[in-house]
């Protein structure tokens, strides 16, 4: 049963997106306000440029301490080496990918278009749904 569940069944479709020019403090507030651990950074056409995550925020924290300033743009801190998944991938394959990675969420693509974000919590929801 679990093997028939796809990423698309549990991914978040209402994405909170950031621009590469977003002030990093505003981006952090956005993550907190929406209770999310990462957000895609997209260009004006909606193409994925990178991901801005809690891990990237740790770099902001350290630079704030060392440089005594809390500024900069998302582009300076975002991760650009992105690992993604396909909407039609099995949730089981996704769980295996999460197990082998420290990444907490992946952008989801369908037909080369960003269509969602899927997190470890989404895998837990899928597992809980089969009982």
C-alpha atoms as a PDB file:
ATOM      1  CA  UNK A   1       0.000   0.000   0.000  1.00  0.00           C
ATOM      2  CA  UNK A   2       2.696   2.520   0.975  1.00  0.00           C
ATOM      3  CA  UNK A   3       4.639   1.821  -2.235  1.00  0.00           C
ATOM      4  CA  UNK A   4       1.662   3.086  -4.286  1.00  0.00           C
ATOM      5  CA  UNK A   5       1.666   6.491  -2.585  1.00  0.00           C
ATOM      6  CA  UNK A   6       3.470   9.162  -4.582  1.00  0.00           C
ATOM      7  CA  UNK A   7       5.287  12.313  -3.569  1.00  0.00           C
ATOM      8  CA  UNK A   8       2.479  14.331  -5.196  1.00  0.00           C
ATOM      9  CA  UNK A   9      -0.015  12.830  -2.750  1.00  0.00           C
ATOM     10  CA  UNK A  10       1.686  14.468   0.261  1.00  0.00           C
ATOM     11  CA  UNK A  11       3.827  17.355  -0.985  1.00  0.00           C
ATOM     12  CA  UNK A  12       3.047  20.966  -0.112  1.00  0.00           C
ATOM     13  CA  UNK A  13       1.661  22.681  -3.187  1.00  0.00           C
ATOM     14  CA  UNK A  14       1.143  26.177  -1.788  1.00  0.00           C
ATOM     15  CA  UNK A  15       4.747  27.275  -1.864  1.00  0.00           C
ATOM     16  CA  UNK A  16       6.273  30.133   0.047  1.00  0.00           C
ATOM     17  CA  UNK A  17       8.826  31.408  -2.449  1.00  0.00           C
ATOM     18  CA  UNK A  18      11.707  33.812  -2.001  1.00  0.00           C
ATOM     19  CA  UNK A  19      13.567  36.035  -4.423  1.00  0.00           C
ATOM     20  CA  UNK A  20      17.359  36.060  -4.565  1.00  0.00           C
ATOM     21  CA  UNK A  21      17.140  39.777  -3.711  1.00  0.00           C
ATOM     22  CA  UNK A  22      15.081  39.257  -0.545  1.00  0.00           C
ATOM     23  CA  UNK A  23      16.778  40.679   2.539  1.00  0.00           C
ATOM     24  CA  UNK A  24      18.071  37.747   4.548  1.00  0.00           C
ATOM     25  CA  UNK A  25      16.408  38.943   7.775  1.00  0.00           C
ATOM     26  CA  UNK A  26      13.065  39.157   5.971  1.00  0.00           C
ATOM     27  CA  UNK A  27      13.623  35.651   4.585  1.00  0.00           C
ATOM     28  CA  UNK A  28      14.272  34.306   8.094  1.00  0.00           C
ATOM     29  CA  UNK A  29      11.068  35.958   9.315  1.00  0.00           C
ATOM     30  CA  UNK A  30       9.212  34.370   6.402  1.00  0.00           C
ATOM     31  CA  UNK A  31      10.446  30.896   7.380  1.00  0.00           C
ATOM     32  CA  UNK A  32       9.386  31.510  10.968  1.00  0.00           C
ATOM     33  CA  UNK A  33       6.011  33.064  10.096  1.00  0.00           C
ATOM     34  CA  UNK A  34       5.093  30.097   7.900  1.00  0.00           C
ATOM     35  CA  UNK A  35       6.630  27.480  10.240  1.00  0.00           C
ATOM     36  CA  UNK A  36       8.723  26.003   7.424  1.00  0.00           C
ATOM     37  CA  UNK A  37      12.321  24.821   7.388  1.00  0.00           C
ATOM     38  CA  UNK A  38      13.160  25.926   3.847  1.00  0.00           C
ATOM     39  CA  UNK A  39      11.832  27.824   0.869  1.00  0.00           C
ATOM     40  CA  UNK A  40      12.623  27.768  -2.835  1.00  0.00           C
ATOM     41  CA  UNK A  41      14.379  30.780  -4.289  1.00  0.00           C
ATOM     42  CA  UNK A  42      12.981  31.492  -7.737  1.00  0.00           C
ATOM     43  CA  UNK A  43      13.539  33.957 -10.554  1.00  0.00           C
ATOM     44  CA  UNK A  44      10.694  36.123 -11.938  1.00  0.00           C
ATOM     45  CA  UNK A  45       9.722  33.297 -14.329  1.00  0.00           C
ATOM     46  CA  UNK A  46       9.406  30.833 -11.435  1.00  0.00           C
ATOM     47  CA  UNK A  47      12.570  28.888 -12.238  1.00  0.00           C
ATOM     48  CA  UNK A  48      14.331  27.425  -9.214  1.00  0.00           C
ATOM     49  CA  UNK A  49      17.618  29.175  -8.424  1.00  0.00           C
ATOM     50  CA  UNK A  50      18.272  27.610  -5.040  1.00  0.00           C
ATOM     51  CA  UNK A  51      16.882  26.760  -1.624  1.00  0.00           C
ATOM     52  CA  UNK A  52      17.099  28.864   1.517  1.00  0.00           C
ATOM     53  CA  UNK A  53      16.938  26.685   4.621  1.00  0.00           C
ATOM     54  CA  UNK A  54      17.568  26.636   8.352  1.00  0.00           C
ATOM     55  CA  UNK A  55      21.062  25.372   7.589  1.00  0.00           C
ATOM     56  CA  UNK A  56      21.715  28.482   5.494  1.00  0.00           C
ATOM     57  CA  UNK A  57      20.424  30.595   8.382  1.00  0.00           C
ATOM     58  CA  UNK A  58      23.192  29.145  10.580  1.00  0.00           C
ATOM     59  CA  UNK A  59      25.688  30.809   8.221  1.00  0.00           C
ATOM     60  CA  UNK A  60      23.803  34.083   8.696  1.00  0.00           C
ATOM     61  CA  UNK A  61      24.052  33.672  12.484  1.00  0.00           C
ATOM     62  CA  UNK A  62      27.797  33.077  12.340  1.00  0.00           C
ATOM     63  CA  UNK A  63      28.440  35.981   9.990  1.00  0.00           C
ATOM     64  CA  UNK A  64      26.322  38.229  12.219  1.00  0.00           C
ATOM     65  CA  UNK A  65      28.542  37.359  15.188  1.00  0.00           C
ATOM     66  CA  UNK A  66      31.813  37.729  13.305  1.00  0.00           C
ATOM     67  CA  UNK A  67      30.948  40.779  11.210  1.00  0.00           C
ATOM     68  CA  UNK A  68      28.628  42.527  13.686  1.00  0.00           C
ATOM     69  CA  UNK A  69      26.019  43.024  10.977  1.00  0.00           C
ATOM     70  CA  UNK A  70      22.814  41.285  10.127  1.00  0.00           C
ATOM     71  CA  UNK A  71      22.312  42.041   6.474  1.00  0.00           C
ATOM     72  CA  UNK A  72      22.659  40.622   3.041  1.00  0.00           C
ATOM     73  CA  UNK A  73      20.501  39.058   0.382  1.00  0.00           C
ATOM     74  CA  UNK A  74      19.197  35.509   0.117  1.00  0.00           C
ATOM     75  CA  UNK A  75      21.440  34.993  -2.944  1.00  0.00           C
ATOM     76  CA  UNK A  76      24.507  35.274  -0.682  1.00  0.00           C
ATOM     77  CA  UNK A  77      23.383  32.417   1.574  1.00  0.00           C
ATOM     78  CA  UNK A  78      21.094  30.094  -0.391  1.00  0.00           C
ATOM     79  CA  UNK A  79      22.152  26.612  -1.403  1.00  0.00           C
ATOM     80  CA  UNK A  80      22.497  26.282  -5.158  1.00  0.00           C
ATOM     81  CA  UNK A  81      23.417  22.599  -5.388  1.00  0.00           C
ATOM     82  CA  UNK A  82      19.879  21.300  -5.292  1.00  0.00           C
ATOM     83  CA  UNK A  83      18.724  17.736  -5.022  1.00  0.00           C
ATOM     84  CA  UNK A  84      15.118  17.333  -6.117  1.00  0.00           C
ATOM     85  CA  UNK A  85      12.472  14.656  -6.569  1.00  0.00           C
ATOM     86  CA  UNK A  86       9.732  14.017  -9.111  1.00  0.00           C
ATOM     87  CA  UNK A  87       6.056  14.316  -8.238  1.00  0.00           C
ATOM     88  CA  UNK A  88       5.407  10.756  -9.406  1.00  0.00           C
ATOM     89  CA  UNK A  89       8.211   9.206  -7.299  1.00  0.00           C
ATOM     90  CA  UNK A  90       7.143   6.663  -4.694  1.00  0.00           C
ATOM     91  CA  UNK A  91       6.998   7.845  -1.083  1.00  0.00           C
ATOM     92  CA  UNK A  92       9.127   4.774  -0.275  1.00  0.00           C
ATOM     93  CA  UNK A  93      11.853   5.940  -2.667  1.00  0.00           C
ATOM     94  CA  UNK A  94      11.597   9.358  -1.055  1.00  0.00           C
ATOM     95  CA  UNK A  95      12.016   7.855   2.419  1.00  0.00           C
ATOM     96  CA  UNK A  96      15.164   6.099   1.214  1.00  0.00           C
ATOM     97  CA  UNK A  97      16.488   9.372  -0.195  1.00  0.00           C
ATOM     98  CA  UNK A  98      15.820  11.116   3.135  1.00  0.00           C
ATOM     99  CA  UNK A  99      17.564   8.329   5.026  1.00  0.00           C
ATOM    100  CA  UNK A 100      20.717   8.794   2.934  1.00  0.00           C
ATOM    101  CA  UNK A 101      20.726  12.589   3.201  1.00  0.00           C
ATOM    102  CA  UNK A 102      20.802  15.312   5.830  1.00  0.00           C
ATOM    103  CA  UNK A 103      18.392  17.363   3.705  1.00  0.00           C
ATOM    104  CA  UNK A 104      15.041  17.927   5.422  1.00  0.00           C
ATOM    105  CA  UNK A 105      12.976  18.839   2.352  1.00  0.00           C
ATOM    106  CA  UNK A 106      13.230  18.535  -1.413  1.00  0.00           C
ATOM    107  CA  UNK A 107      11.763  20.641  -4.203  1.00  0.00           C
ATOM    108  CA  UNK A 108       9.338  18.599  -6.308  1.00  0.00           C
ATOM    109  CA  UNK A 109       9.234  18.794 -10.094  1.00  0.00           C
ATOM    110  CA  UNK A 110       6.771  17.621 -12.715  1.00  0.00           C
ATOM    111  CA  UNK A 111       7.535  18.141 -16.398  1.00  0.00           C
ATOM    112  CA  UNK A 112      10.576  20.250 -15.432  1.00  0.00           C
ATOM    113  CA  UNK A 113       8.354  22.646 -13.468  1.00  0.00           C
ATOM    114  CA  UNK A 114       8.568  23.310  -9.726  1.00  0.00           C
ATOM    115  CA  UNK A 115       5.256  22.059  -8.332  1.00  0.00           C
ATOM    116  CA  UNK A 116       5.869  21.582  -4.625  1.00  0.00           C
ATOM    117  CA  UNK A 117       8.074  20.869  -1.640  1.00  0.00           C
ATOM    118  CA  UNK A 118       8.143  17.586   0.236  1.00  0.00           C
ATOM    119  CA  UNK A 119       9.538  17.154   3.725  1.00  0.00           C
ATOM    120  CA  UNK A 120      10.316  14.370   6.140  1.00  0.00           C
ATOM    121  CA  UNK A 121       7.100  15.237   7.955  1.00  0.00           C
ATOM    122  CA  UNK A 122       5.166  14.522   4.754  1.00  0.00           C
ATOM    123  CA  UNK A 123       6.617  11.002   4.725  1.00  0.00           C
ATOM    124  CA  UNK A 124       5.420  10.569   8.313  1.00  0.00           C
ATOM    125  CA  UNK A 125       1.944  11.723   7.316  1.00  0.00           C
ATOM    126  CA  UNK A 126       1.916   9.184   4.459  1.00  0.00           C
ATOM    127  CA  UNK A 127       2.900   6.387   6.818  1.00  0.00           C
ATOM    128  CA  UNK A 128       0.257   7.388   9.359  1.00  0.00           C
ATOM    129  CA  UNK A 129      -2.418   7.450   6.641  1.00  0.00           C
ATOM    130  CA  UNK A 130      -2.217   3.730   5.921  1.00  0.00           C
ATOM    131  CA  UNK A 131      -3.550   2.705   9.328  1.00  0.00           C
END
